[in-house]
């Protein structure tokens, strides 16, 4: 059975590029346009397993770090790994992400091969 990955980004083009790379590698992909949208979609799944969440940091309505904090309060997703995929590269932001519960950080622009390598590491469970 294919592993499921949620991609949370307000940029349609980033969601498309990440989605194409992931689908090409055999993953099922769920897309969300911001943190609020992601939480609504996760609620609709009713606790169905999501193997990884890839989230941007800077988004309208609910930013990525707030989203990760909210996500980690939900028992079904408490241990779901989160990869932050963002233009932010400051240590302070990375520390905030880590404190919220993010497991990895990748800076845009990114190489699809590097993203897939990180995804593979984070979904080996």
PDB file of N, CA and C in Angstrom:
ATOM      1  N   UNK A   1       0.839  -1.179   0.000  1.00  0.00           N
ATOM      2  CA  UNK A   1       0.000   0.000   0.000  1.00  0.00           C
ATOM      3  C   UNK A   1       0.890   1.251   0.000  1.00  0.00           C
ATOM      4  N   UNK A   2       0.527   2.218  -0.812  1.00  0.00           N
ATOM      5  CA  UNK A   2       1.332   3.436  -0.913  1.00  0.00           C
ATOM      6  C   UNK A   2       1.250   4.257   0.373  1.00  0.00           C
ATOM      7  N   UNK A   3       2.342   4.909   0.708  1.00  0.00           N
ATOM      8  CA  UNK A   3       2.356   5.789   1.866  1.00  0.00           C
ATOM      9  C   UNK A   3       1.714   7.119   1.477  1.00  0.00           C
ATOM     10  N   UNK A   4       1.062   7.754   2.447  1.00  0.00           N
ATOM     11  CA  UNK A   4       0.349   9.010   2.207  1.00  0.00           C
ATOM     12  C   UNK A   4       1.133  10.175   2.781  1.00  0.00           C
ATOM     13  N   UNK A   5       1.279  11.215   1.966  1.00  0.00           N
ATOM     14  CA  UNK A   5       1.998  12.423   2.381  1.00  0.00           C
ATOM     15  C   UNK A   5       1.101  13.630   2.143  1.00  0.00           C
ATOM     16  N   UNK A   6       1.012  14.495   3.144  1.00  0.00           N
ATOM     17  CA  UNK A   6       0.261  15.739   2.988  1.00  0.00           C
ATOM     18  C   UNK A   6       1.245  16.858   2.680  1.00  0.00           C
ATOM     19  N   UNK A   7       0.918  17.664   1.671  1.00  0.00           N
ATOM     20  CA  UNK A   7       1.734  18.812   1.288  1.00  0.00           C
ATOM     21  C   UNK A   7       0.930  20.072   1.604  1.00  0.00           C
ATOM     22  N   UNK A   8       1.476  20.915   2.500  1.00  0.00           N
ATOM     23  CA  UNK A   8       0.786  22.127   2.938  1.00  0.00           C
ATOM     24  C   UNK A   8       1.598  23.333   2.487  1.00  0.00           C
ATOM     25  N   UNK A   9       1.076  24.070   1.514  1.00  0.00           N
ATOM     26  CA  UNK A   9       1.785  25.244   0.994  1.00  0.00           C
ATOM     27  C   UNK A   9       0.773  26.149   0.316  1.00  0.00           C
ATOM     28  N   UNK A  10       0.909  27.461   0.514  1.00  0.00           N
ATOM     29  CA  UNK A  10      -0.025  28.388  -0.122  1.00  0.00           C
ATOM     30  C   UNK A  10       0.290  28.594  -1.598  1.00  0.00           C
ATOM     31  N   UNK A  11       1.446  28.130  -2.054  1.00  0.00           N
ATOM     32  CA  UNK A  11       1.826  28.247  -3.469  1.00  0.00           C
ATOM     33  C   UNK A  11       1.352  27.015  -4.243  1.00  0.00           C
ATOM     34  N   UNK A  12       0.444  27.253  -5.191  1.00  0.00           N
ATOM     35  CA  UNK A  12      -0.064  26.151  -6.019  1.00  0.00           C
ATOM     36  C   UNK A  12       1.085  25.489  -6.770  1.00  0.00           C
ATOM     37  N   UNK A  13       2.008  26.300  -7.290  1.00  0.00           N
ATOM     38  CA  UNK A  13       3.104  25.727  -8.084  1.00  0.00           C
ATOM     39  C   UNK A  13       4.017  24.844  -7.226  1.00  0.00           C
ATOM     40  N   UNK A  14       4.277  25.237  -5.988  1.00  0.00           N
ATOM     41  CA  UNK A  14       5.098  24.389  -5.104  1.00  0.00           C
ATOM     42  C   UNK A  14       4.358  23.084  -4.816  1.00  0.00           C
ATOM     43  N   UNK A  15       3.061  23.179  -4.516  1.00  0.00           N
ATOM     44  CA  UNK A  15       2.288  21.957  -4.269  1.00  0.00           C
ATOM     45  C   UNK A  15       2.331  21.038  -5.485  1.00  0.00           C
ATOM     46  N   UNK A  16       2.258  21.623  -6.679  1.00  0.00           N
ATOM     47  CA  UNK A  16       2.296  20.812  -7.905  1.00  0.00           C
ATOM     48  C   UNK A  16       3.657  20.142  -8.082  1.00  0.00           C
ATOM     49  N   UNK A  17       4.740  20.898  -7.926  1.00  0.00           N
ATOM     50  CA  UNK A  17       6.094  20.352  -8.112  1.00  0.00           C
ATOM     51  C   UNK A  17       6.365  19.246  -7.092  1.00  0.00           C
ATOM     52  N   UNK A  18       6.034  19.498  -5.833  1.00  0.00           N
ATOM     53  CA  UNK A  18       6.244  18.498  -4.782  1.00  0.00           C
ATOM     54  C   UNK A  18       5.347  17.291  -5.054  1.00  0.00           C
ATOM     55  N   UNK A  19       4.100  17.547  -5.416  1.00  0.00           N
ATOM     56  CA  UNK A  19       3.153  16.468  -5.703  1.00  0.00           C
ATOM     57  C   UNK A  19       3.604  15.578  -6.843  1.00  0.00           C
ATOM     58  N   UNK A  20       4.101  16.181  -7.912  1.00  0.00           N
ATOM     59  CA  UNK A  20       4.584  15.403  -9.073  1.00  0.00           C
ATOM     60  C   UNK A  20       5.756  14.519  -8.660  1.00  0.00           C
ATOM     61  N   UNK A  21       6.692  15.089  -7.901  1.00  0.00           N
ATOM     62  CA  UNK A  21       7.862  14.309  -7.451  1.00  0.00           C
ATOM     63  C   UNK A  21       7.414  13.139  -6.578  1.00  0.00           C
ATOM     64  N   UNK A  22       6.504  13.407  -5.649  1.00  0.00           N
ATOM     65  CA  UNK A  22       6.054  12.359  -4.724  1.00  0.00           C
ATOM     66  C   UNK A  22       5.239  11.279  -5.431  1.00  0.00           C
ATOM     67  N   UNK A  23       4.311  11.709  -6.281  1.00  0.00           N
ATOM     68  CA  UNK A  23       3.479  10.734  -7.005  1.00  0.00           C
ATOM     69  C   UNK A  23       4.340   9.881  -7.923  1.00  0.00           C
ATOM     70  N   UNK A  24       5.352  10.516  -8.537  1.00  0.00           N
ATOM     71  CA  UNK A  24       6.271   9.785  -9.409  1.00  0.00           C
ATOM     72  C   UNK A  24       7.052   8.726  -8.656  1.00  0.00           C
ATOM     73  N   UNK A  25       7.229   8.936  -7.346  1.00  0.00           N
ATOM     74  CA  UNK A  25       7.954   7.979  -6.507  1.00  0.00           C
ATOM     75  C   UNK A  25       6.993   6.986  -5.840  1.00  0.00           C
ATOM     76  N   UNK A  26       5.704   7.069  -6.185  1.00  0.00           N
ATOM     77  CA  UNK A  26       4.742   6.086  -5.697  1.00  0.00           C
ATOM     78  C   UNK A  26       3.975   6.456  -4.439  1.00  0.00           C
ATOM     79  N   UNK A  27       4.070   7.713  -4.005  1.00  0.00           N
ATOM     80  CA  UNK A  27       3.338   8.131  -2.807  1.00  0.00           C
ATOM     81  C   UNK A  27       1.952   8.658  -3.177  1.00  0.00           C
ATOM     82  N   UNK A  28       0.992   8.514  -2.246  1.00  0.00           N
ATOM     83  CA  UNK A  28      -0.304   9.173  -2.360  1.00  0.00           C
ATOM     84  C   UNK A  28      -0.135  10.557  -1.761  1.00  0.00           C
ATOM     85  N   UNK A  29      -0.743  11.574  -2.378  1.00  0.00           N
ATOM     86  CA  UNK A  29      -0.547  12.946  -1.925  1.00  0.00           C
ATOM     87  C   UNK A  29      -1.892  13.610  -1.616  1.00  0.00           C
ATOM     88  N   UNK A  30      -1.936  14.281  -0.472  1.00  0.00           N
ATOM     89  CA  UNK A  30      -3.075  15.116  -0.094  1.00  0.00           C
ATOM     90  C   UNK A  30      -2.535  16.537  -0.039  1.00  0.00           C
ATOM     91  N   UNK A  31      -3.244  17.491  -0.653  1.00  0.00           N
ATOM     92  CA  UNK A  31      -2.778  18.880  -0.657  1.00  0.00           C
ATOM     93  C   UNK A  31      -3.647  19.761   0.224  1.00  0.00           C
ATOM     94  N   UNK A  32      -3.009  20.765   0.839  1.00  0.00           N
ATOM     95  CA  UNK A  32      -3.715  21.776   1.624  1.00  0.00           C
ATOM     96  C   UNK A  32      -3.036  23.120   1.371  1.00  0.00           C
ATOM     97  N   UNK A  33      -3.813  24.210   1.410  1.00  0.00           N
ATOM     98  CA  UNK A  33      -3.272  25.527   1.049  1.00  0.00           C
ATOM     99  C   UNK A  33      -2.768  26.343   2.240  1.00  0.00           C
ATOM    100  N   UNK A  34      -3.059  25.907   3.468  1.00  0.00           N
ATOM    101  CA  UNK A  34      -2.519  26.567   4.664  1.00  0.00           C
ATOM    102  C   UNK A  34      -2.775  25.659   5.858  1.00  0.00           C
ATOM    103  N   UNK A  35      -2.340  26.090   7.031  1.00  0.00           N
ATOM    104  CA  UNK A  35      -2.493  25.266   8.219  1.00  0.00           C
ATOM    105  C   UNK A  35      -3.937  24.943   8.564  1.00  0.00           C
ATOM    106  N   UNK A  36      -4.819  25.942   8.439  1.00  0.00           N
ATOM    107  CA  UNK A  36      -6.244  25.701   8.721  1.00  0.00           C
ATOM    108  C   UNK A  36      -6.807  24.642   7.792  1.00  0.00           C
ATOM    109  N   UNK A  37      -6.525  24.787   6.502  1.00  0.00           N
ATOM    110  CA  UNK A  37      -7.007  23.838   5.495  1.00  0.00           C
ATOM    111  C   UNK A  37      -6.473  22.434   5.798  1.00  0.00           C
ATOM    112  N   UNK A  38      -5.214  22.358   6.202  1.00  0.00           N
ATOM    113  CA  UNK A  38      -4.603  21.062   6.514  1.00  0.00           C
ATOM    114  C   UNK A  38      -5.315  20.394   7.687  1.00  0.00           C
ATOM    115  N   UNK A  39      -5.624  21.156   8.740  1.00  0.00           N
ATOM    116  CA  UNK A  39      -6.304  20.582   9.902  1.00  0.00           C
ATOM    117  C   UNK A  39      -7.706  20.104   9.537  1.00  0.00           C
ATOM    118  N   UNK A  40      -8.404  20.874   8.697  1.00  0.00           N
ATOM    119  CA  UNK A  40      -9.742  20.472   8.239  1.00  0.00           C
ATOM    120  C   UNK A  40      -9.649  19.160   7.462  1.00  0.00           C
ATOM    121  N   UNK A  41      -8.670  19.072   6.560  1.00  0.00           N
ATOM    122  CA  UNK A  41      -8.513  17.854   5.755  1.00  0.00           C
ATOM    123  C   UNK A  41      -8.124  16.647   6.620  1.00  0.00           C
ATOM    124  N   UNK A  42      -7.270  16.876   7.616  1.00  0.00           N
ATOM    125  CA  UNK A  42      -6.890  15.783   8.516  1.00  0.00           C
ATOM    126  C   UNK A  42      -8.100  15.310   9.331  1.00  0.00           C
ATOM    127  N   UNK A  43      -8.926  16.264   9.790  1.00  0.00           N
ATOM    128  CA  UNK A  43     -10.142  15.895  10.519  1.00  0.00           C
ATOM    129  C   UNK A  43     -11.052  15.045   9.643  1.00  0.00           C
ATOM    130  N   UNK A  44     -11.138  15.397   8.362  1.00  0.00           N
ATOM    131  CA  UNK A  44     -11.992  14.661   7.427  1.00  0.00           C
ATOM    132  C   UNK A  44     -11.488  13.223   7.229  1.00  0.00           C
ATOM    133  N   UNK A  45     -10.186  13.005   7.443  1.00  0.00           N
ATOM    134  CA  UNK A  45      -9.618  11.657   7.297  1.00  0.00           C
ATOM    135  C   UNK A  45      -9.980  10.769   8.482  1.00  0.00           C
ATOM    136  N   UNK A  46     -10.447  11.381   9.564  1.00  0.00           N
ATOM    137  CA  UNK A  46     -10.865  10.616  10.729  1.00  0.00           C
ATOM    138  C   UNK A  46      -9.758   9.801  11.371  1.00  0.00           C
ATOM    139  N   UNK A  47      -8.548  10.361  11.408  1.00  0.00           N
ATOM    140  CA  UNK A  47      -7.444   9.653  12.053  1.00  0.00           C
ATOM    141  C   UNK A  47      -6.710   8.681  11.139  1.00  0.00           C
ATOM    142  N   UNK A  48      -7.122   8.649   9.847  1.00  0.00           N
ATOM    143  CA  UNK A  48      -6.413   7.787   8.884  1.00  0.00           C
ATOM    144  C   UNK A  48      -4.928   8.155   8.899  1.00  0.00           C
ATOM    145  N   UNK A  49      -4.078   7.158   8.757  1.00  0.00           N
ATOM    146  CA  UNK A  49      -2.637   7.393   8.850  1.00  0.00           C
ATOM    147  C   UNK A  49      -2.128   8.264   7.699  1.00  0.00           C
ATOM    148  N   UNK A  50      -1.372   9.279   8.070  1.00  0.00           N
ATOM    149  CA  UNK A  50      -0.607  10.089   7.124  1.00  0.00           C
ATOM    150  C   UNK A  50       0.837   9.838   7.527  1.00  0.00           C
ATOM    151  N   UNK A  51       1.657   9.383   6.585  1.00  0.00           N
ATOM    152  CA  UNK A  51       3.025   8.971   6.919  1.00  0.00           C
ATOM    153  C   UNK A  51       3.987  10.139   7.101  1.00  0.00           C
ATOM    154  N   UNK A  52       3.658  11.284   6.474  1.00  0.00           N
ATOM    155  CA  UNK A  52       4.543  12.450   6.538  1.00  0.00           C
ATOM    156  C   UNK A  52       3.754  13.680   6.147  1.00  0.00           C
ATOM    157  N   UNK A  53       4.105  14.814   6.754  1.00  0.00           N
ATOM    158  CA  UNK A  53       3.531  16.090   6.343  1.00  0.00           C
ATOM    159  C   UNK A  53       4.689  16.992   5.950  1.00  0.00           C
ATOM    160  N   UNK A  54       4.572  17.592   4.764  1.00  0.00           N
ATOM    161  CA  UNK A  54       5.551  18.566   4.279  1.00  0.00           C
ATOM    162  C   UNK A  54       4.846  19.908   4.321  1.00  0.00           C
ATOM    163  N   UNK A  55       5.392  20.861   5.083  1.00  0.00           N
ATOM    164  CA  UNK A  55       4.702  22.138   5.266  1.00  0.00           C
ATOM    165  C   UNK A  55       5.624  23.327   5.050  1.00  0.00           C
ATOM    166  N   UNK A  56       5.059  24.356   4.430  1.00  0.00           N
ATOM    167  CA  UNK A  56       5.715  25.645   4.315  1.00  0.00           C
ATOM    168  C   UNK A  56       5.638  26.326   5.684  1.00  0.00           C
ATOM    169  N   UNK A  57       6.407  27.388   5.885  1.00  0.00           N
ATOM    170  CA  UNK A  57       6.326  28.155   7.120  1.00  0.00           C
ATOM    171  C   UNK A  57       5.416  29.358   6.929  1.00  0.00           C
ATOM    172  N   UNK A  58       5.695  30.171   5.911  1.00  0.00           N
ATOM    173  CA  UNK A  58       4.956  31.415   5.704  1.00  0.00           C
ATOM    174  C   UNK A  58       3.716  31.179   4.850  1.00  0.00           C
ATOM    175  N   UNK A  59       2.550  31.177   5.515  1.00  0.00           N
ATOM    176  CA  UNK A  59       1.274  30.986   4.823  1.00  0.00           C
ATOM    177  C   UNK A  59       0.227  31.873   5.486  1.00  0.00           C
ATOM    178  N   UNK A  60      -0.804  32.265   4.726  1.00  0.00           N
ATOM    179  CA  UNK A  60      -1.891  33.053   5.335  1.00  0.00           C
ATOM    180  C   UNK A  60      -2.740  32.157   6.246  1.00  0.00           C
ATOM    181  N   UNK A  61      -3.599  32.767   7.037  1.00  0.00           N
ATOM    182  CA  UNK A  61      -4.558  32.095   7.925  1.00  0.00           C
ATOM    183  C   UNK A  61      -3.891  31.359   9.091  1.00  0.00           C
ATOM    184  N   UNK A  62      -3.043  30.376   8.795  1.00  0.00           N
ATOM    185  CA  UNK A  62      -2.286  29.699   9.854  1.00  0.00           C
ATOM    186  C   UNK A  62      -0.924  29.320   9.289  1.00  0.00           C
ATOM    187  N   UNK A  63       0.136  29.885   9.886  1.00  0.00           N
ATOM    188  CA  UNK A  63       1.490  29.602   9.389  1.00  0.00           C
ATOM    189  C   UNK A  63       1.894  28.173   9.755  1.00  0.00           C
ATOM    190  N   UNK A  64       2.998  27.719   9.168  1.00  0.00           N
ATOM    191  CA  UNK A  64       3.434  26.341   9.326  1.00  0.00           C
ATOM    192  C   UNK A  64       3.822  25.960  10.744  1.00  0.00           C
ATOM    193  N   UNK A  65       4.455  26.860  11.471  1.00  0.00           N
ATOM    194  CA  UNK A  65       4.887  26.529  12.829  1.00  0.00           C
ATOM    195  C   UNK A  65       3.679  26.392  13.758  1.00  0.00           C
ATOM    196  N   UNK A  66       2.706  27.299  13.619  1.00  0.00           N
ATOM    197  CA  UNK A  66       1.461  27.185  14.393  1.00  0.00           C
ATOM    198  C   UNK A  66       0.741  25.896  14.023  1.00  0.00           C
ATOM    199  N   UNK A  67       0.716  25.578  12.738  1.00  0.00           N
ATOM    200  CA  UNK A  67       0.088  24.341  12.273  1.00  0.00           C
ATOM    201  C   UNK A  67       0.729  23.114  12.930  1.00  0.00           C
ATOM    202  N   UNK A  68       2.063  23.068  12.971  1.00  0.00           N
ATOM    203  CA  UNK A  68       2.747  21.912  13.562  1.00  0.00           C
ATOM    204  C   UNK A  68       2.407  21.806  15.051  1.00  0.00           C
ATOM    205  N   UNK A  69       2.372  22.954  15.744  1.00  0.00           N
ATOM    206  CA  UNK A  69       1.995  22.948  17.169  1.00  0.00           C
ATOM    207  C   UNK A  69       0.598  22.351  17.346  1.00  0.00           C
ATOM    208  N   UNK A  70      -0.349  22.799  16.517  1.00  0.00           N
ATOM    209  CA  UNK A  70      -1.732  22.296  16.583  1.00  0.00           C
ATOM    210  C   UNK A  70      -1.783  20.806  16.253  1.00  0.00           C
ATOM    211  N   UNK A  71      -1.069  20.420  15.219  1.00  0.00           N
ATOM    212  CA  UNK A  71      -1.040  19.028  14.778  1.00  0.00           C
ATOM    213  C   UNK A  71      -0.607  18.106  15.909  1.00  0.00           C
ATOM    214  N   UNK A  72       0.439  18.507  16.610  1.00  0.00           N
ATOM    215  CA  UNK A  72       1.028  17.658  17.650  1.00  0.00           C
ATOM    216  C   UNK A  72       0.129  17.513  18.872  1.00  0.00           C
ATOM    217  N   UNK A  73      -0.947  18.319  18.972  1.00  0.00           N
ATOM    218  CA  UNK A  73      -1.893  18.169  20.085  1.00  0.00           C
ATOM    219  C   UNK A  73      -2.936  17.086  19.778  1.00  0.00           C
ATOM    220  N   UNK A  74      -2.966  16.612  18.536  1.00  0.00           N
ATOM    221  CA  UNK A  74      -3.949  15.605  18.128  1.00  0.00           C
ATOM    222  C   UNK A  74      -3.352  14.206  18.243  1.00  0.00           C
ATOM    223  N   UNK A  75      -3.960  13.347  19.051  1.00  0.00           N
ATOM    224  CA  UNK A  75      -3.393  12.008  19.283  1.00  0.00           C
ATOM    225  C   UNK A  75      -3.079  11.220  18.007  1.00  0.00           C
ATOM    226  N   UNK A  76      -3.927  11.321  16.984  1.00  0.00           N
ATOM    227  CA  UNK A  76      -3.717  10.537  15.763  1.00  0.00           C
ATOM    228  C   UNK A  76      -2.466  10.976  15.002  1.00  0.00           C
ATOM    229  N   UNK A  77      -2.028  12.231  15.206  1.00  0.00           N
ATOM    230  CA  UNK A  77      -0.907  12.769  14.426  1.00  0.00           C
ATOM    231  C   UNK A  77       0.265  13.216  15.296  1.00  0.00           C
ATOM    232  N   UNK A  78       0.215  12.886  16.573  1.00  0.00           N
ATOM    233  CA  UNK A  78       1.267  13.305  17.510  1.00  0.00           C
ATOM    234  C   UNK A  78       2.656  12.857  17.055  1.00  0.00           C
ATOM    235  N   UNK A  79       2.727  11.658  16.458  1.00  0.00           N
ATOM    236  CA  UNK A  79       4.032  11.112  16.068  1.00  0.00           C
ATOM    237  C   UNK A  79       4.276  11.162  14.561  1.00  0.00           C
ATOM    238  N   UNK A  80       3.406  11.851  13.827  1.00  0.00           N
ATOM    239  CA  UNK A  80       3.597  11.985  12.380  1.00  0.00           C
ATOM    240  C   UNK A  80       4.776  12.923  12.122  1.00  0.00           C
ATOM    241  N   UNK A  81       5.780  12.466  11.367  1.00  0.00           N
ATOM    242  CA  UNK A  81       6.921  13.357  11.099  1.00  0.00           C
ATOM    243  C   UNK A  81       6.525  14.527  10.205  1.00  0.00           C
ATOM    244  N   UNK A  82       7.148  15.679  10.449  1.00  0.00           N
ATOM    245  CA  UNK A  82       6.883  16.884   9.663  1.00  0.00           C
ATOM    246  C   UNK A  82       8.199  17.405   9.108  1.00  0.00           C
ATOM    247  N   UNK A  83       8.201  17.662   7.806  1.00  0.00           N
ATOM    248  CA  UNK A  83       9.335  18.278   7.108  1.00  0.00           C
ATOM    249  C   UNK A  83       8.916  19.685   6.725  1.00  0.00           C
ATOM    250  N   UNK A  84       9.641  20.684   7.202  1.00  0.00           N
ATOM    251  CA  UNK A  84       9.353  22.063   6.818  1.00  0.00           C
ATOM    252  C   UNK A  84      10.101  22.353   5.514  1.00  0.00           C
ATOM    253  N   UNK A  85       9.359  22.768   4.498  1.00  0.00           N
ATOM    254  CA  UNK A  85       9.929  23.114   3.196  1.00  0.00           C
ATOM    255  C   UNK A  85       9.636  24.590   2.978  1.00  0.00           C
ATOM    256  N   UNK A  86      10.661  25.433   3.092  1.00  0.00           N
ATOM    257  CA  UNK A  86      10.427  26.869   3.199  1.00  0.00           C
ATOM    258  C   UNK A  86      11.582  27.689   2.652  1.00  0.00           C
ATOM    259  N   UNK A  87      11.342  28.974   2.455  1.00  0.00           N
ATOM    260  CA  UNK A  87      12.424  29.893   2.066  1.00  0.00           C
ATOM    261  C   UNK A  87      13.189  30.363   3.304  1.00  0.00           C
ATOM    262  N   UNK A  88      12.653  30.093   4.484  1.00  0.00           N
ATOM    263  CA  UNK A  88      13.283  30.532   5.742  1.00  0.00           C
ATOM    264  C   UNK A  88      14.522  29.687   6.047  1.00  0.00           C
ATOM    265  N   UNK A  89      15.637  30.357   6.310  1.00  0.00           N
ATOM    266  CA  UNK A  89      16.854  29.602   6.617  1.00  0.00           C
ATOM    267  C   UNK A  89      17.515  30.056   7.919  1.00  0.00           C
ATOM    268  N   UNK A  90      16.895  31.019   8.622  1.00  0.00           N
ATOM    269  CA  UNK A  90      17.483  31.502   9.875  1.00  0.00           C
ATOM    270  C   UNK A  90      17.388  30.426  10.958  1.00  0.00           C
ATOM    271  N   UNK A  91      18.439  30.340  11.774  1.00  0.00           N
ATOM    272  CA  UNK A  91      18.486  29.368  12.867  1.00  0.00           C
ATOM    273  C   UNK A  91      17.308  29.549  13.823  1.00  0.00           C
ATOM    274  N   UNK A  92      16.930  30.804  14.058  1.00  0.00           N
ATOM    275  CA  UNK A  92      15.830  31.078  14.993  1.00  0.00           C
ATOM    276  C   UNK A  92      14.533  30.420  14.511  1.00  0.00           C
ATOM    277  N   UNK A  93      14.242  30.518  13.213  1.00  0.00           N
ATOM    278  CA  UNK A  93      13.039  29.886  12.657  1.00  0.00           C
ATOM    279  C   UNK A  93      13.144  28.365  12.759  1.00  0.00           C
ATOM    280  N   UNK A  94      14.328  27.837  12.459  1.00  0.00           N
ATOM    281  CA  UNK A  94      14.526  26.387  12.545  1.00  0.00           C
ATOM    282  C   UNK A  94      14.284  25.897  13.969  1.00  0.00           C
ATOM    283  N   UNK A  95      14.773  26.670  14.944  1.00  0.00           N
ATOM    284  CA  UNK A  95      14.577  26.304  16.351  1.00  0.00           C
ATOM    285  C   UNK A  95      13.098  26.335  16.720  1.00  0.00           C
ATOM    286  N   UNK A  96      12.371  27.349  16.203  1.00  0.00           N
ATOM    287  CA  UNK A  96      10.926  27.426  16.468  1.00  0.00           C
ATOM    288  C   UNK A  96      10.224  26.210  15.872  1.00  0.00           C
ATOM    289  N   UNK A  97      10.631  25.837  14.673  1.00  0.00           N
ATOM    290  CA  UNK A  97      10.041  24.670  14.010  1.00  0.00           C
ATOM    291  C   UNK A  97      10.317  23.399  14.784  1.00  0.00           C
ATOM    292  N   UNK A  98      11.550  23.243  15.234  1.00  0.00           N
ATOM    293  CA  UNK A  98      11.933  22.054  15.997  1.00  0.00           C
ATOM    294  C   UNK A  98      11.164  21.994  17.316  1.00  0.00           C
ATOM    295  N   UNK A  99      11.049  23.146  17.977  1.00  0.00           N
ATOM    296  CA  UNK A  99      10.324  23.212  19.247  1.00  0.00           C
ATOM    297  C   UNK A  99       8.845  22.851  19.052  1.00  0.00           C
ATOM    298  N   UNK A 100       8.293  23.212  17.896  1.00  0.00           N
ATOM    299  CA  UNK A 100       6.887  22.907  17.600  1.00  0.00           C
ATOM    300  C   UNK A 100       6.693  21.427  17.305  1.00  0.00           C
ATOM    301  N   UNK A 101       7.767  20.764  16.842  1.00  0.00           N
ATOM    302  CA  UNK A 101       7.663  19.337  16.552  1.00  0.00           C
ATOM    303  C   UNK A 101       8.111  18.921  15.163  1.00  0.00           C
ATOM    304  N   UNK A 102       8.662  19.861  14.383  1.00  0.00           N
ATOM    305  CA  UNK A 102       9.163  19.511  13.044  1.00  0.00           C
ATOM    306  C   UNK A 102      10.413  18.644  13.178  1.00  0.00           C
ATOM    307  N   UNK A 103      10.523  17.624  12.322  1.00  0.00           N
ATOM    308  CA  UNK A 103      11.665  16.705  12.392  1.00  0.00           C
ATOM    309  C   UNK A 103      12.784  17.076  11.426  1.00  0.00           C
ATOM    310  N   UNK A 104      12.444  17.816  10.347  1.00  0.00           N
ATOM    311  CA  UNK A 104      13.460  18.160   9.346  1.00  0.00           C
ATOM    312  C   UNK A 104      13.118  19.505   8.720  1.00  0.00           C
ATOM    313  N   UNK A 105      14.142  20.108   8.091  1.00  0.00           N
ATOM    314  CA  UNK A 105      13.998  21.457   7.522  1.00  0.00           C
ATOM    315  C   UNK A 105      14.700  21.463   6.174  1.00  0.00           C
ATOM    316  N   UNK A 106      14.013  21.877   5.132  1.00  0.00           N
ATOM    317  CA  UNK A 106      14.621  21.971   3.809  1.00  0.00           C
ATOM    318  C   UNK A 106      14.296  23.348   3.235  1.00  0.00           C
ATOM    319  N   UNK A 107      15.309  23.989   2.658  1.00  0.00           N
ATOM    320  CA  UNK A 107      15.143  25.351   2.147  1.00  0.00           C
ATOM    321  C   UNK A 107      14.852  25.331   0.645  1.00  0.00           C
ATOM    322  N   UNK A 108      13.868  26.152   0.232  1.00  0.00           N
ATOM    323  CA  UNK A 108      13.549  26.341  -1.189  1.00  0.00           C
ATOM    324  C   UNK A 108      14.560  27.318  -1.767  1.00  0.00           C
ATOM    325  N   UNK A 109      14.918  27.241  -3.022  1.00  0.00           N
ATOM    326  CA  UNK A 109      14.534  26.181  -3.955  1.00  0.00           C
ATOM    327  C   UNK A 109      15.218  24.862  -3.572  1.00  0.00           C
ATOM    328  N   UNK A 110      14.593  23.765  -3.951  1.00  0.00           N
ATOM    329  CA  UNK A 110      15.098  22.447  -3.577  1.00  0.00           C
ATOM    330  C   UNK A 110      15.217  21.576  -4.822  1.00  0.00           C
ATOM    331  N   UNK A 111      16.032  20.539  -4.710  1.00  0.00           N
ATOM    332  CA  UNK A 111      16.147  19.554  -5.783  1.00  0.00           C
ATOM    333  C   UNK A 111      15.190  18.412  -5.454  1.00  0.00           C
ATOM    334  N   UNK A 112      14.345  18.007  -6.397  1.00  0.00           N
ATOM    335  CA  UNK A 112      13.405  16.913  -6.127  1.00  0.00           C
ATOM    336  C   UNK A 112      14.082  15.659  -5.564  1.00  0.00           C
ATOM    337  N   UNK A 113      15.306  15.347  -6.045  1.00  0.00           N
ATOM    338  CA  UNK A 113      16.006  14.156  -5.551  1.00  0.00           C
ATOM    339  C   UNK A 113      16.309  14.294  -4.058  1.00  0.00           C
ATOM    340  N   UNK A 114      16.710  15.498  -3.642  1.00  0.00           N
ATOM    341  CA  UNK A 114      17.019  15.740  -2.229  1.00  0.00           C
ATOM    342  C   UNK A 114      15.744  15.626  -1.390  1.00  0.00           C
ATOM    343  N   UNK A 115      14.644  16.150  -1.919  1.00  0.00           N
ATOM    344  CA  UNK A 115      13.364  16.052  -1.216  1.00  0.00           C
ATOM    345  C   UNK A 115      12.963  14.591  -1.061  1.00  0.00           C
ATOM    346  N   UNK A 116      13.060  13.820  -2.137  1.00  0.00           N
ATOM    347  CA  UNK A 116      12.668  12.406  -2.076  1.00  0.00           C
ATOM    348  C   UNK A 116      13.556  11.613  -1.121  1.00  0.00           C
ATOM    349  N   UNK A 117      14.835  11.951  -1.054  1.00  0.00           N
ATOM    350  CA  UNK A 117      15.741  11.273  -0.119  1.00  0.00           C
ATOM    351  C   UNK A 117      15.313  11.564   1.322  1.00  0.00           C
ATOM    352  N   UNK A 118      14.961  12.821   1.607  1.00  0.00           N
ATOM    353  CA  UNK A 118      14.503  13.192   2.953  1.00  0.00           C
ATOM    354  C   UNK A 118      13.176  12.509   3.269  1.00  0.00           C
ATOM    355  N   UNK A 119      12.273  12.479   2.301  1.00  0.00           N
ATOM    356  CA  UNK A 119      10.970  11.836   2.484  1.00  0.00           C
ATOM    357  C   UNK A 119      11.159  10.354   2.804  1.00  0.00           C
ATOM    358  N   UNK A 120      12.049   9.707   2.070  1.00  0.00           N
ATOM    359  CA  UNK A 120      12.284   8.286   2.290  1.00  0.00           C
ATOM    360  C   UNK A 120      12.785   8.022   3.711  1.00  0.00           C
ATOM    361  N   UNK A 121      13.728   8.854   4.180  1.00  0.00           N
ATOM    362  CA  UNK A 121      14.250   8.706   5.542  1.00  0.00           C
ATOM    363  C   UNK A 121      13.161   8.887   6.581  1.00  0.00           C
ATOM    364  N   UNK A 122      12.325   9.907   6.374  1.00  0.00           N
ATOM    365  CA  UNK A 122      11.299  10.244   7.366  1.00  0.00           C
ATOM    366  C   UNK A 122      10.110   9.284   7.371  1.00  0.00           C
ATOM    367  N   UNK A 123       9.924   8.526   6.299  1.00  0.00           N
ATOM    368  CA  UNK A 123       8.766   7.630   6.231  1.00  0.00           C
ATOM    369  C   UNK A 123       9.139   6.161   6.466  1.00  0.00           C
ATOM    370  N   UNK A 124      10.379   5.911   6.865  1.00  0.00           N
ATOM    371  CA  UNK A 124      10.808   4.528   7.111  1.00  0.00           C
ATOM    372  C   UNK A 124      10.349   4.077   8.496  1.00  0.00           C
ATOM    373  N   UNK A 125       9.072   3.688   8.570  1.00  0.00           N
ATOM    374  CA  UNK A 125       8.567   3.199   9.861  1.00  0.00           C
ATOM    375  C   UNK A 125       7.506   2.151   9.626  1.00  0.00           C
TER     376      UNK A 125
END
